[in-house]
Amino acid sequence: MAMLKGAEIVIECLKEQGVDTVFGYPGGAILNIYDALYKNSDTIRHILTAHEQAASHAADGYARASGKVGVCFATSGPGATNIVTGIATAYMDSIPIVAITCNVAKNLLGKNSFQEIDICGVTKPVTKANFQVKDGNELADTIRNAFEIAKSGRPGPVLIDITKDVTGDSFEYEFKEISADTDKKIEVNEKDIDELIDLINKSNKPYILVGGGAISSGAAEEVTALAHKINSPLANTIMARGAFSSYDELYTGMVGMHGTKTSNLGISECDLLIVIGARFSDRIIGNSSKFAVKSNIVHIDIDSSEIGKNVAVYKGIVGDAKEVLKKLNSKLTPKRHDEWIAHINKLKERHPLKYDANKLTGQYVIEVLDRISPEDTIVVTEVGQHQMWTSQFYNFSKPRTFLTSGGLGTMGYGLGAAMGAKVAFPKRLVVNIAGDGCFRMNFNEIATAVRNNIPIVQVVINNHVLGMVRQWQDLYYGKRYSHTTLVDKVDFVKLAEAMGAKAYRITKLEEVVPVLTEAIKQKEPVVVDCQIDSDIKVFPMVSPGAAISEVFDEKDM
């Protein structure tokens, strides 16, 4: 038993959890913790971001890429509120992060003190749990509990707010060994498994829909085994890219608003839909009353509150996806659905993803990047057209190689997340793909990457507009482009160079291969500005409120 300052207890508890990196930004209220961090810089690396929001996204990217809990620091008041978007992003996509903020001293709480904010009240709707520590004797156990909550069951963000006096006063601390696997598994109901097997045996047109929960649970191998055992086509949500190989013959692509015609039509025709770790977002299901109406829907999810929340299901199975599928696969006998698979293959032939190969497009840039990048490349995106093109045209074969803000759709997410992923895996290529609108929200973090020697590749699909919003204005708002045109004199190449990064510009088709090849060889942060036409759209598409079976593309228009 030792007497330590609260700030030192914070650092010791992070060491207990095996934390090797923290992303953050100091300020007055959290200075005691930063002082303790300074004395432990040999064991915990700190990445100072240009803005607190990037720190929370970096913690998120670290967590998505590694499967570990990401950690970020922020001070009181505006420092704390600046990480709320990152916390909400992690919450919507079930990503385990622990955000540690500090507040004014306990005797100043509730008095509108300088930089005081009720950050627990602010973040309550977007955290799995949050805690305010006003008694230092509770600090160590609170931190341990926060990590356990963040990573157990359905993962998610947890916030700990500590008053400044707690960080400065001394309390008893005793080291505690943290078990490598403390997650209590939900017992899989054998009757549920047997009922699902019966449904599979009776099905002639099965389909599997995989969500991000399959990646969280580490169930990629089990998903692949199931698809081949029952000879079923498989589609995914955007959160599940990499949970099933893009090269697999049973893969049909993403489903939903910008999903493939094959996935949208196939799911609309199937008689059994097995959904694994997905939450039936409106972007996936379209009109909920018309979603997969010909099928018995079976939903496997660790969170019982998701069962039947957005879509009525025939059967729900509550449990960890990996454990459920292990049990299911062990009891299944192989099936063949040759006629059904032949029909799905005809849909693939009839409705391939296409783009104009005669001009420079975002789709072509992403296809080239896919072709020349190592298989274990981690691809991160911002949000918008480039995000959809990446999901459509980049072939992922491994889990935790595609990081994107799916639920919240956070513009400005990608650059911070890419830095977090690169810190987690310094030897792997990490690429962030952005639109110019998103890049304007976070390009100051290029300076962070340079200062901390984090050699990421930043690709900007630069169409000089807010592309996805403009696409909606074009299709549904009579081409009234209200405040979506970004034509100005900002030069991303000069901007990147001014911050110390290497930079290239692509304006022609023939420049794509040599420039991207050169960019990914660099051992320093690189920005590639790809100039494309403003009116290139994302297809296929499902109109808001329509059934996914009403999917259309440019040819249909």
Protein backbone atom coordinates (compact mmCIF):
# COMPACT_ATOMS: atom_id res chain seq x y z
CA MET A 1 0.00 0.00 0.00
CA ALA A 2 1.41 3.38 -1.01
CA MET A 3 0.30 6.97 -0.58
CA LEU A 4 0.03 8.62 -4.00
CA LYS A 5 -1.50 11.79 -5.36
CA GLY A 6 -4.73 11.27 -7.25
CA ALA A 7 -3.00 12.21 -10.49
CA GLU A 8 -0.39 9.50 -9.88
CA ILE A 9 -3.15 6.97 -9.17
CA VAL A 10 -4.66 7.78 -12.57
CA ILE A 11 -1.37 6.99 -14.30
CA GLU A 12 -0.79 3.82 -12.26
CA CYS A 13 -4.29 2.58 -13.09
CA LEU A 14 -3.66 3.19 -16.79
CA LYS A 15 -0.49 1.10 -16.47
CA GLU A 16 -2.52 -1.65 -14.80
CA GLN A 17 -4.74 -1.72 -17.88
CA GLY A 18 -1.76 -1.97 -20.23
CA VAL A 19 -2.35 1.48 -21.72
CA ASP A 20 0.64 2.53 -23.81
CA THR A 21 -0.72 5.67 -25.51
CA VAL A 22 -2.98 8.54 -24.52
CA PHE A 23 -4.27 11.24 -26.87
CA GLY A 24 -5.14 14.59 -25.40
CA TYR A 25 -4.74 18.29 -24.74
CA PRO A 26 -3.72 19.83 -21.38
CA GLY A 27 -5.34 22.67 -19.46
CA GLY A 28 -5.52 24.10 -15.97
CA ALA A 29 -7.87 21.59 -14.36
CA ILE A 30 -5.99 18.52 -15.64
CA LEU A 31 -2.44 19.86 -15.04
CA ASN A 32 -1.77 17.55 -12.09
CA ILE A 33 -2.40 14.52 -14.29
CA TYR A 34 -0.16 15.92 -17.03
CA ASP A 35 2.56 16.45 -14.46
CA ALA A 36 2.28 12.82 -13.38
CA LEU A 37 2.25 11.78 -17.05
CA TYR A 38 5.50 13.70 -17.61
CA LYS A 39 7.16 11.59 -14.95
CA ASN A 40 5.93 8.40 -16.68
CA SER A 41 6.67 9.31 -20.28
CA ASP A 42 8.89 6.24 -20.60
CA THR A 43 5.87 3.93 -20.23
CA ILE A 44 2.93 5.95 -21.58
CA ARG A 45 3.24 7.94 -24.79
CA HIS A 46 1.15 11.09 -25.09
CA ILE A 47 0.06 12.46 -28.47
CA LEU A 48 -0.80 16.17 -28.30
CA THR A 49 -3.44 16.87 -30.95
CA ALA A 50 -4.27 20.26 -32.42
CA HIS A 51 -7.85 20.01 -31.12
CA GLU A 52 -9.45 17.89 -28.41
CA GLN A 53 -11.96 16.40 -30.85
CA ALA A 54 -9.08 14.80 -32.76
CA ALA A 55 -7.83 13.28 -29.49
CA SER A 56 -11.14 11.50 -28.97
CA HIS A 57 -11.22 10.33 -32.61
CA ALA A 58 -7.61 9.13 -32.29
CA ALA A 59 -8.54 7.09 -29.21
CA ASP A 60 -11.44 5.69 -31.24
CA GLY A 61 -9.21 4.80 -34.21
CA TYR A 62 -6.69 3.16 -31.87
CA ALA A 63 -9.50 1.07 -30.39
CA ARG A 64 -11.07 0.07 -33.72
CA ALA A 65 -7.76 -0.99 -35.21
CA SER A 66 -6.38 -2.82 -32.17
CA GLY A 67 -9.45 -4.08 -30.34
CA LYS A 68 -8.07 -2.50 -27.15
CA VAL A 69 -9.60 0.35 -25.13
CA GLY A 70 -8.56 3.77 -26.45
CA VAL A 71 -7.84 6.59 -23.98
CA CYS A 72 -8.06 10.37 -24.30
CA PHE A 73 -7.54 13.29 -21.89
CA ALA A 74 -9.17 16.72 -21.84
CA THR A 75 -9.36 19.55 -19.38
CA SER A 76 -12.52 21.12 -17.96
CA GLY A 77 -15.03 23.36 -19.74
CA PRO A 78 -14.40 23.72 -23.48
CA GLY A 79 -11.72 21.03 -23.41
CA ALA A 80 -14.29 18.54 -22.15
CA THR A 81 -17.06 19.69 -24.49
CA ASN A 82 -14.70 19.46 -27.48
CA ILE A 83 -14.45 15.67 -27.06
CA VAL A 84 -18.21 15.11 -26.95
CA THR A 85 -18.49 14.54 -30.72
CA GLY A 86 -15.75 11.89 -30.51
CA ILE A 87 -17.50 10.21 -27.59
CA ALA A 88 -20.81 10.23 -29.48
CA THR A 89 -19.09 8.79 -32.55
CA ALA A 90 -17.71 5.92 -30.46
CA TYR A 91 -21.08 5.40 -28.77
CA MET A 92 -23.00 5.07 -32.03
CA ASP A 93 -20.52 2.50 -33.36
CA SER A 94 -19.97 0.63 -30.06
CA ILE A 95 -16.26 1.45 -29.73
CA PRO A 96 -14.51 1.07 -26.34
CA ILE A 97 -12.83 4.29 -25.23
CA VAL A 98 -12.24 5.82 -21.82
CA ALA A 99 -12.27 9.61 -21.77
CA ILE A 100 -10.72 11.22 -18.69
CA THR A 101 -11.55 14.86 -17.99
CA CYS A 102 -10.87 17.00 -14.95
CA ASN A 103 -13.14 19.59 -13.44
CA VAL A 104 -12.86 22.46 -11.00
CA ALA A 105 -12.24 21.65 -7.33
CA LYS A 106 -15.11 20.09 -5.40
CA ASN A 107 -15.80 23.29 -3.41
CA LEU A 108 -16.22 25.24 -6.69
CA LEU A 109 -18.69 22.86 -8.36
CA GLY A 110 -22.11 24.33 -9.13
CA LYS A 111 -20.92 27.94 -8.87
CA ASN A 112 -20.36 28.70 -12.57
CA SER A 113 -16.64 28.67 -11.84
CA PHE A 114 -14.13 29.41 -14.61
CA GLN A 115 -14.21 26.59 -17.16
CA GLU A 116 -16.71 24.57 -15.14
CA ILE A 117 -19.11 22.34 -17.06
CA ASP A 118 -21.35 19.46 -16.01
CA ILE A 119 -19.66 17.10 -18.47
CA CYS A 120 -21.35 14.05 -16.96
CA GLY A 121 -24.73 15.65 -17.67
CA VAL A 122 -23.63 16.58 -21.18
CA THR A 123 -22.37 13.09 -22.06
CA LYS A 124 -24.96 10.95 -20.29
CA PRO A 125 -26.90 10.19 -23.51
CA VAL A 126 -23.75 9.16 -25.43
CA THR A 127 -21.81 7.02 -22.95
CA LYS A 128 -22.27 3.50 -21.62
CA ALA A 129 -21.58 5.04 -18.20
CA ASN A 130 -19.94 8.11 -16.75
CA PHE A 131 -18.55 8.95 -13.33
CA GLN A 132 -17.55 12.07 -11.43
CA VAL A 133 -14.90 11.35 -8.82
CA LYS A 134 -15.01 13.72 -5.85
CA ASP A 135 -13.46 11.30 -3.34
CA GLY A 136 -9.94 10.10 -4.08
CA ASN A 137 -10.52 6.86 -2.18
CA GLU A 138 -12.88 5.85 -5.00
CA LEU A 139 -10.58 6.87 -7.85
CA ALA A 140 -8.69 3.63 -8.59
CA ASP A 141 -11.76 1.39 -8.50
CA THR A 142 -13.68 3.86 -10.65
CA ILE A 143 -10.99 3.75 -13.35
CA ARG A 144 -10.86 -0.06 -13.24
CA ASN A 145 -14.63 -0.23 -13.47
CA ALA A 146 -14.66 2.21 -16.40
CA PHE A 147 -12.32 0.02 -18.44
CA GLU A 148 -14.36 -3.09 -17.64
CA ILE A 149 -17.60 -1.38 -18.72
CA ALA A 150 -16.03 0.00 -21.91
CA LYS A 151 -14.87 -3.38 -23.20
CA SER A 152 -17.47 -5.81 -21.84
CA GLY A 153 -20.71 -6.88 -23.51
CA ARG A 154 -21.57 -4.38 -26.22
CA PRO A 155 -18.51 -2.11 -26.09
CA GLY A 156 -18.76 1.65 -25.82
CA PRO A 157 -17.30 4.86 -24.39
CA VAL A 158 -17.06 5.66 -20.69
CA LEU A 159 -16.22 9.09 -19.24
CA ILE A 160 -14.49 9.76 -15.92
CA ASP A 161 -14.55 13.36 -14.63
CA ILE A 162 -12.23 14.05 -11.70
CA THR A 163 -12.26 17.18 -9.56
CA LYS A 164 -8.92 18.99 -9.45
CA ASP A 165 -8.52 18.66 -5.68
CA VAL A 166 -8.70 14.86 -5.99
CA THR A 167 -5.83 14.89 -8.50
CA GLY A 168 -3.68 16.96 -6.11
CA ASP A 169 -4.42 15.28 -2.76
CA SER A 170 -2.87 11.98 -1.62
CA PHE A 171 -4.66 8.67 -1.10
CA GLU A 172 -3.83 5.02 -0.51
CA TYR A 173 -3.15 2.99 -3.66
CA GLU A 174 -2.46 -0.71 -4.13
CA PHE A 175 -1.55 -2.27 -7.47
CA LYS A 176 -4.19 -4.64 -8.83
CA GLU A 177 -3.52 -7.31 -11.45
CA ILE A 178 -6.06 -7.02 -14.27
CA SER A 179 -7.27 -10.29 -15.73
CA ALA A 180 -6.74 -10.61 -19.49
CA ASP A 181 -10.32 -11.82 -20.01
CA THR A 182 -12.81 -10.49 -17.50
CA ASP A 183 -15.75 -10.39 -19.91
CA LYS A 184 -18.59 -12.55 -18.64
CA LYS A 185 -19.98 -14.45 -21.62
CA ILE A 186 -23.74 -14.69 -22.03
CA GLU A 187 -24.75 -18.34 -21.95
CA VAL A 188 -25.91 -19.44 -25.40
CA ASN A 189 -29.39 -20.99 -25.32
CA GLU A 190 -29.26 -24.42 -26.98
CA LYS A 191 -32.96 -24.25 -27.83
CA ASP A 192 -32.34 -21.03 -29.79
CA ILE A 193 -29.57 -22.74 -31.75
CA ASP A 194 -31.76 -25.75 -32.53
CA GLU A 195 -34.62 -23.52 -33.70
CA LEU A 196 -32.28 -21.60 -36.00
CA ILE A 197 -30.94 -24.88 -37.42
CA ASP A 198 -34.51 -25.94 -38.14
CA LEU A 199 -35.14 -22.66 -39.99
CA ILE A 200 -31.92 -23.13 -41.99
CA ASN A 201 -32.91 -26.69 -42.92
CA LYS A 202 -36.28 -25.48 -44.22
CA SER A 203 -34.85 -22.52 -46.14
CA ASN A 204 -34.35 -22.50 -49.91
CA LYS A 205 -33.14 -18.88 -50.17
CA PRO A 206 -31.04 -18.00 -47.13
CA TYR A 207 -29.11 -14.74 -46.82
CA ILE A 208 -26.65 -13.55 -44.19
CA LEU A 209 -26.37 -9.88 -43.21
CA VAL A 210 -23.32 -9.03 -41.10
CA GLY A 211 -22.97 -5.92 -38.94
CA GLY A 212 -20.18 -4.34 -36.92
CA GLY A 213 -20.89 -6.58 -33.94
CA ALA A 214 -19.21 -9.44 -35.80
CA ILE A 215 -15.96 -7.46 -35.78
CA SER A 216 -16.33 -6.40 -32.13
CA SER A 217 -16.74 -10.04 -31.09
CA GLY A 218 -13.91 -11.31 -33.31
CA ALA A 219 -16.29 -13.53 -35.23
CA ALA A 220 -14.93 -13.17 -38.78
CA GLU A 221 -13.83 -16.82 -39.04
CA GLU A 222 -17.15 -18.06 -37.70
CA VAL A 223 -19.10 -15.84 -40.12
CA THR A 224 -17.13 -17.25 -43.06
CA ALA A 225 -17.61 -20.81 -41.86
CA LEU A 226 -21.37 -20.30 -41.51
CA ALA A 227 -21.76 -18.80 -45.00
CA HIS A 228 -19.96 -21.73 -46.61
CA LYS A 229 -21.61 -24.36 -44.43
CA ILE A 230 -25.13 -23.29 -45.41
CA ASN A 231 -24.10 -22.10 -48.91
CA SER A 232 -25.59 -18.65 -48.40
CA PRO A 233 -24.87 -15.31 -50.07
CA LEU A 234 -23.66 -12.68 -47.64
CA ALA A 235 -23.98 -8.89 -47.47
CA ASN A 236 -22.69 -6.45 -44.87
CA THR A 237 -23.40 -3.09 -43.35
CA ILE A 238 -20.69 -0.46 -43.75
CA MET A 239 -19.54 -1.20 -40.19
CA ALA A 240 -18.77 -4.82 -41.07
CA ARG A 241 -16.39 -4.32 -44.01
CA GLY A 242 -13.59 -6.82 -43.50
CA ALA A 243 -15.64 -9.25 -41.41
CA PHE A 244 -16.04 -11.28 -44.62
CA SER A 245 -13.63 -11.22 -47.53
CA SER A 246 -14.56 -9.10 -50.54
CA TYR A 247 -12.95 -11.80 -52.69
CA ASP A 248 -15.22 -14.59 -51.43
CA GLU A 249 -17.55 -15.99 -54.10
CA LEU A 250 -20.51 -15.70 -51.71
CA TYR A 251 -19.97 -11.98 -51.05
CA THR A 252 -22.50 -9.61 -52.61
CA GLY A 253 -21.42 -6.25 -51.19
CA MET A 254 -22.86 -3.62 -48.92
CA VAL A 255 -26.60 -3.35 -48.33
CA GLY A 256 -28.76 -0.24 -47.92
CA MET A 257 -28.95 3.28 -49.29
CA HIS A 258 -25.72 2.91 -51.30
CA GLY A 259 -25.51 -0.85 -51.24
CA THR A 260 -25.21 -3.01 -54.33
CA LYS A 261 -28.28 -3.89 -56.33
CA THR A 262 -27.46 -7.56 -55.76
CA SER A 263 -27.51 -7.25 -51.97
CA ASN A 264 -30.62 -5.06 -51.88
CA LEU A 265 -32.58 -7.21 -54.31
CA GLY A 266 -31.31 -10.50 -52.88
CA ILE A 267 -32.28 -9.62 -49.32
CA SER A 268 -35.68 -8.51 -50.60
CA GLU A 269 -36.18 -11.96 -52.17
CA CYS A 270 -34.73 -14.30 -49.52
CA ASP A 271 -36.84 -16.56 -47.29
CA LEU A 272 -34.44 -16.56 -44.31
CA LEU A 273 -32.31 -13.59 -43.27
CA ILE A 274 -29.71 -14.25 -40.57
CA VAL A 275 -28.56 -10.91 -39.17
CA ILE A 276 -25.38 -10.92 -37.08
CA GLY A 277 -24.48 -7.96 -34.86
CA ALA A 278 -26.31 -5.24 -36.80
CA ARG A 279 -28.78 -2.68 -35.48
CA PHE A 280 -31.02 -2.21 -38.54
CA SER A 281 -30.14 1.44 -39.12
CA ASP A 282 -32.50 3.39 -41.38
CA ARG A 283 -29.66 3.71 -43.91
CA ILE A 284 -29.55 -0.09 -44.12
CA ILE A 285 -33.22 -1.08 -44.11
CA GLY A 286 -34.85 1.82 -45.98
CA ASN A 287 -38.61 1.62 -45.42
CA SER A 288 -38.83 -0.64 -42.37
CA SER A 289 -42.32 -1.91 -43.28
CA LYS A 290 -40.98 -3.19 -46.61
CA PHE A 291 -37.67 -4.64 -45.45
CA ALA A 292 -37.13 -8.35 -46.18
CA VAL A 293 -40.87 -8.99 -45.98
CA LYS A 294 -40.58 -12.40 -47.69
CA SER A 295 -38.19 -13.76 -45.09
CA ASN A 296 -38.05 -15.03 -41.54
CA ILE A 297 -35.58 -12.64 -39.92
CA VAL A 298 -33.31 -14.06 -37.20
CA HIS A 299 -31.33 -11.44 -35.30
CA ILE A 300 -28.21 -12.44 -33.34
CA ASP A 301 -26.98 -9.64 -31.05
CA ILE A 302 -25.29 -9.22 -27.69
CA ASP A 303 -27.63 -6.33 -26.81
CA SER A 304 -31.16 -7.56 -26.12
CA SER A 305 -32.54 -4.02 -26.51
CA GLU A 306 -31.69 -4.15 -30.24
CA ILE A 307 -33.90 -7.19 -30.88
CA GLY A 308 -37.09 -5.95 -32.53
CA LYS A 309 -36.23 -2.27 -31.97
CA ASN A 310 -36.22 -1.13 -35.61
CA VAL A 311 -37.50 -4.21 -37.46
CA ALA A 312 -39.88 -6.90 -36.29
CA VAL A 313 -37.96 -10.19 -36.29
CA TYR A 314 -39.13 -13.80 -36.38
CA LYS A 315 -36.56 -14.80 -33.78
CA GLY A 316 -33.96 -13.06 -31.65
CA ILE A 317 -30.89 -14.76 -30.19
CA VAL A 318 -29.09 -12.81 -27.47
CA GLY A 319 -25.40 -13.56 -27.10
CA ASP A 320 -21.87 -12.86 -28.24
CA ALA A 321 -21.79 -13.40 -32.01
CA LYS A 322 -18.61 -15.50 -31.89
CA GLU A 323 -19.99 -17.81 -29.22
CA VAL A 324 -23.39 -18.18 -30.91
CA LEU A 325 -21.84 -18.95 -34.29
CA LYS A 326 -19.34 -21.41 -32.82
CA LYS A 327 -22.24 -23.34 -31.30
CA LEU A 328 -24.32 -23.07 -34.47
CA ASN A 329 -21.52 -24.17 -36.81
CA SER A 330 -20.68 -27.18 -34.64
CA LYS A 331 -24.22 -28.51 -34.94
CA LEU A 332 -24.96 -27.66 -38.59
CA THR A 333 -24.72 -30.12 -41.45
CA PRO A 334 -23.60 -28.64 -44.80
CA LYS A 335 -26.30 -27.39 -47.21
CA ARG A 336 -26.43 -26.62 -50.92
CA HIS A 337 -28.57 -23.91 -52.53
CA ASP A 338 -27.25 -24.10 -56.08
CA GLU A 339 -30.32 -22.60 -57.76
CA TRP A 340 -30.40 -19.67 -55.33
CA ILE A 341 -26.68 -19.02 -55.65
CA ALA A 342 -26.97 -19.15 -59.46
CA HIS A 343 -29.72 -16.52 -59.28
CA ILE A 344 -27.60 -14.28 -57.04
CA ASN A 345 -24.63 -14.68 -59.41
CA LYS A 346 -26.84 -13.55 -62.30
CA LEU A 347 -27.75 -10.45 -60.30
CA LYS A 348 -24.03 -9.79 -59.79
CA GLU A 349 -23.40 -10.08 -63.54
CA ARG A 350 -26.38 -7.89 -64.38
CA HIS A 351 -25.69 -5.17 -61.79
CA PRO A 352 -21.96 -4.63 -61.30
CA LEU A 353 -20.66 -1.47 -59.65
CA LYS A 354 -19.67 0.94 -62.42
CA TYR A 355 -18.16 4.36 -63.04
CA ASP A 356 -16.90 6.42 -65.97
CA ALA A 357 -13.45 5.02 -66.75
CA ASN A 358 -12.68 7.84 -69.19
CA LYS A 359 -12.11 10.53 -66.57
CA LEU A 360 -10.51 10.97 -63.16
CA THR A 361 -12.94 9.81 -60.48
CA GLY A 362 -12.87 9.03 -56.80
CA GLN A 363 -13.83 5.44 -57.58
CA TYR A 364 -10.76 4.98 -59.80
CA VAL A 365 -8.43 6.52 -57.24
CA ILE A 366 -9.76 4.11 -54.59
CA GLU A 367 -9.50 1.10 -56.91
CA VAL A 368 -5.86 1.94 -57.65
CA LEU A 369 -5.13 2.43 -53.96
CA ASP A 370 -6.63 -1.00 -53.30
CA ARG A 371 -4.52 -2.58 -56.03
CA ILE A 372 -1.16 -1.19 -54.89
CA SER A 373 -1.60 -1.34 -51.09
CA PRO A 374 -0.54 -4.25 -48.86
CA GLU A 375 -3.32 -6.58 -47.74
CA ASP A 376 -3.04 -5.47 -44.11
CA THR A 377 -3.43 -1.77 -44.94
CA ILE A 378 -5.73 0.07 -42.55
CA VAL A 379 -8.10 2.33 -44.49
CA VAL A 380 -9.86 5.14 -42.66
CA THR A 381 -12.46 7.50 -44.12
CA GLU A 382 -14.22 10.69 -43.30
CA VAL A 383 -17.94 10.86 -44.18
CA GLY A 384 -19.60 11.44 -47.54
CA GLN A 385 -19.25 10.29 -51.12
CA HIS A 386 -15.63 9.16 -50.70
CA GLN A 387 -16.74 7.01 -47.74
CA MET A 388 -19.32 5.19 -49.85
CA TRP A 389 -16.91 4.80 -52.78
CA THR A 390 -14.32 3.31 -50.42
CA SER A 391 -16.80 0.77 -49.08
CA GLN A 392 -17.88 -0.06 -52.63
CA PHE A 393 -14.55 -0.20 -54.48
CA TYR A 394 -11.89 -1.12 -51.92
CA ASN A 395 -11.60 -4.86 -51.33
CA PHE A 396 -11.29 -5.68 -47.63
CA SER A 397 -10.37 -9.20 -46.58
CA LYS A 398 -9.48 -8.76 -42.90
CA PRO A 399 -11.39 -7.34 -39.92
CA ARG A 400 -10.30 -4.05 -38.30
CA THR A 401 -8.85 -2.75 -41.58
CA PHE A 402 -11.72 -0.33 -42.38
CA LEU A 403 -12.41 2.43 -39.88
CA THR A 404 -15.26 4.84 -40.47
CA SER A 405 -17.95 6.74 -38.60
CA GLY A 406 -21.06 4.75 -39.45
CA GLY A 407 -23.75 5.66 -36.93
CA LEU A 408 -23.06 9.32 -36.25
CA GLY A 409 -21.58 10.08 -39.68
CA THR A 410 -18.94 12.43 -38.28
CA MET A 411 -17.20 14.67 -40.79
CA GLY A 412 -13.72 15.27 -39.41
CA TYR A 413 -13.42 11.80 -37.86
CA GLY A 414 -10.86 10.23 -40.16
CA LEU A 415 -7.58 12.08 -39.70
CA GLY A 416 -7.56 11.69 -35.92
CA ALA A 417 -8.66 8.05 -36.23
CA ALA A 418 -5.93 7.38 -38.79
CA MET A 419 -3.30 8.72 -36.39
CA GLY A 420 -4.69 6.48 -33.65
CA ALA A 421 -4.56 3.44 -35.92
CA LYS A 422 -1.00 4.21 -37.02
CA VAL A 423 0.14 4.57 -33.40
CA ALA A 424 -1.42 1.16 -32.68
CA PHE A 425 0.27 -0.41 -35.75
CA PRO A 426 3.32 1.67 -36.68
CA LYS A 427 4.58 -0.85 -39.26
CA ARG A 428 1.36 -1.03 -41.28
CA LEU A 429 0.26 1.38 -44.01
CA VAL A 430 -2.56 3.64 -42.80
CA VAL A 431 -4.49 5.72 -45.32
CA ASN A 432 -7.20 8.26 -44.56
CA ILE A 433 -9.54 9.01 -47.46
CA ALA A 434 -11.38 12.34 -47.20
CA GLY A 435 -13.49 14.70 -49.18
CA ASP A 436 -12.35 18.30 -49.34
CA GLY A 437 -15.23 19.35 -47.08
CA CYS A 438 -14.11 16.93 -44.35
CA PHE A 439 -10.44 17.81 -44.79
CA ARG A 440 -11.25 21.45 -44.09
CA MET A 441 -12.55 20.35 -40.68
CA ASN A 442 -9.39 18.63 -39.51
CA PHE A 443 -6.37 19.50 -41.70
CA ASN A 444 -4.69 21.15 -38.69
CA GLU A 445 -4.01 17.61 -37.48
CA ILE A 446 -1.51 17.17 -40.32
CA ALA A 447 0.76 19.27 -38.10
CA THR A 448 0.10 16.76 -35.29
CA ALA A 449 1.14 13.88 -37.55
CA VAL A 450 4.31 15.72 -38.58
CA ARG A 451 5.25 16.75 -35.05
CA ASN A 452 4.79 13.23 -33.70
CA ASN A 453 6.29 11.48 -36.75
CA ILE A 454 3.10 9.56 -37.57
CA PRO A 455 3.53 8.70 -41.27
CA ILE A 456 -0.03 8.40 -42.55
CA VAL A 457 -1.18 8.93 -46.13
CA GLN A 458 -4.00 11.49 -46.43
CA VAL A 459 -5.89 11.20 -49.74
CA VAL A 460 -8.29 14.06 -50.48
CA ILE A 461 -10.98 13.36 -53.09
CA ASN A 462 -11.33 17.04 -53.95
CA ASN A 463 -14.49 17.89 -55.92
CA HIS A 464 -14.74 21.47 -54.57
CA VAL A 465 -18.22 20.81 -53.17
CA LEU A 466 -19.91 19.11 -50.24
CA GLY A 467 -20.43 16.12 -52.52
CA MET A 468 -23.06 14.01 -50.78
CA VAL A 469 -25.19 16.99 -49.77
CA ARG A 470 -24.89 18.37 -53.31
CA GLN A 471 -25.95 14.97 -54.67
CA TRP A 472 -29.16 15.20 -52.65
CA GLN A 473 -29.68 18.79 -53.81
CA ASP A 474 -29.23 17.59 -57.37
CA LEU A 475 -31.68 14.68 -57.05
CA TYR A 476 -34.28 16.02 -54.61
CA TYR A 477 -33.91 19.81 -54.33
CA GLY A 478 -34.13 20.99 -57.93
CA LYS A 479 -30.36 21.60 -58.27
CA ARG A 480 -30.50 24.43 -55.73
CA TYR A 481 -26.95 24.18 -54.44
CA SER A 482 -27.42 26.13 -51.23
CA HIS A 483 -24.00 26.61 -49.57
CA THR A 484 -22.44 23.38 -50.85
CA THR A 485 -19.95 24.90 -53.31
CA LEU A 486 -16.43 25.24 -51.89
CA VAL A 487 -14.61 26.94 -54.77
CA ASP A 488 -11.94 29.24 -53.29
CA LYS A 489 -8.18 29.75 -53.38
CA VAL A 490 -7.21 27.21 -50.69
CA ASP A 491 -4.29 25.10 -51.96
CA PHE A 492 -4.13 21.82 -50.06
CA VAL A 493 -0.65 21.02 -51.36
CA LYS A 494 0.83 24.30 -50.11
CA LEU A 495 -1.14 23.95 -46.88
CA ALA A 496 0.29 20.49 -46.24
CA GLU A 497 3.81 21.61 -47.08
CA ALA A 498 3.45 24.59 -44.76
CA MET A 499 2.73 22.14 -41.92
CA GLY A 500 5.80 20.08 -42.78
CA ALA A 501 4.18 17.23 -44.72
CA LYS A 502 5.01 15.95 -48.18
CA ALA A 503 2.31 16.70 -50.74
CA TYR A 504 1.23 15.77 -54.28
CA ARG A 505 -1.56 16.79 -56.61
CA ILE A 506 -3.38 14.53 -59.11
CA THR A 507 -5.33 16.11 -61.96
CA LYS A 508 -5.14 13.40 -64.66
CA LEU A 509 -5.91 9.69 -64.92
CA GLU A 510 -2.35 8.81 -65.83
CA GLU A 511 -1.00 10.46 -62.67
CA VAL A 512 -2.94 8.25 -60.24
CA VAL A 513 -0.75 5.13 -60.25
CA PRO A 514 2.67 6.83 -60.06
CA VAL A 515 1.64 9.44 -57.48
CA LEU A 516 -0.10 6.97 -55.14
CA THR A 517 2.76 4.50 -55.54
CA GLU A 518 5.21 7.23 -54.53
CA ALA A 519 3.01 8.44 -51.67
CA ILE A 520 2.71 5.09 -49.92
CA LYS A 521 6.49 4.62 -50.02
CA GLN A 522 7.10 7.71 -47.89
CA LYS A 523 8.14 7.44 -44.26
CA GLU A 524 6.52 10.74 -43.34
CA PRO A 525 3.00 12.21 -43.42
CA VAL A 526 1.77 12.69 -46.99
CA VAL A 527 -1.19 14.56 -48.47
CA VAL A 528 -2.47 13.68 -51.96
CA ASP A 529 -4.92 16.20 -53.46
CA CYS A 530 -7.03 14.43 -56.15
CA GLN A 531 -8.99 16.91 -58.26
CA ILE A 532 -12.22 15.40 -59.59
CA ASP A 533 -15.42 16.69 -61.17
CA SER A 534 -18.08 18.20 -58.91
CA ASP A 535 -21.02 16.22 -60.29
CA ILE A 536 -19.80 12.63 -59.91
CA LYS A 537 -22.36 10.75 -57.81
CA VAL A 538 -22.58 7.68 -55.61
CA PHE A 539 -24.65 4.92 -57.16
CA PRO A 540 -26.56 2.70 -56.59
CA MET A 541 -28.93 4.64 -54.35
CA VAL A 542 -32.18 4.15 -52.47
CA SER A 543 -34.34 7.25 -52.05
CA PRO A 544 -35.19 8.24 -48.47
CA GLY A 545 -38.30 6.37 -47.32
CA ALA A 546 -38.21 3.88 -50.19
CA ALA A 547 -37.80 0.12 -49.92
CA ILE A 548 -34.27 -1.16 -50.58
CA SER A 549 -35.75 -3.19 -53.46
CA GLU A 550 -36.34 0.17 -55.19
CA VAL A 551 -32.59 0.70 -55.55
CA PHE A 552 -31.60 2.64 -58.68
CA ASP A 553 -28.49 3.76 -60.51
CA GLU A 554 -27.59 6.31 -63.16
CA LYS A 555 -28.85 4.04 -65.94
CA ASP A 556 -32.29 3.81 -64.29
CA MET A 557 -32.50 7.61 -64.16
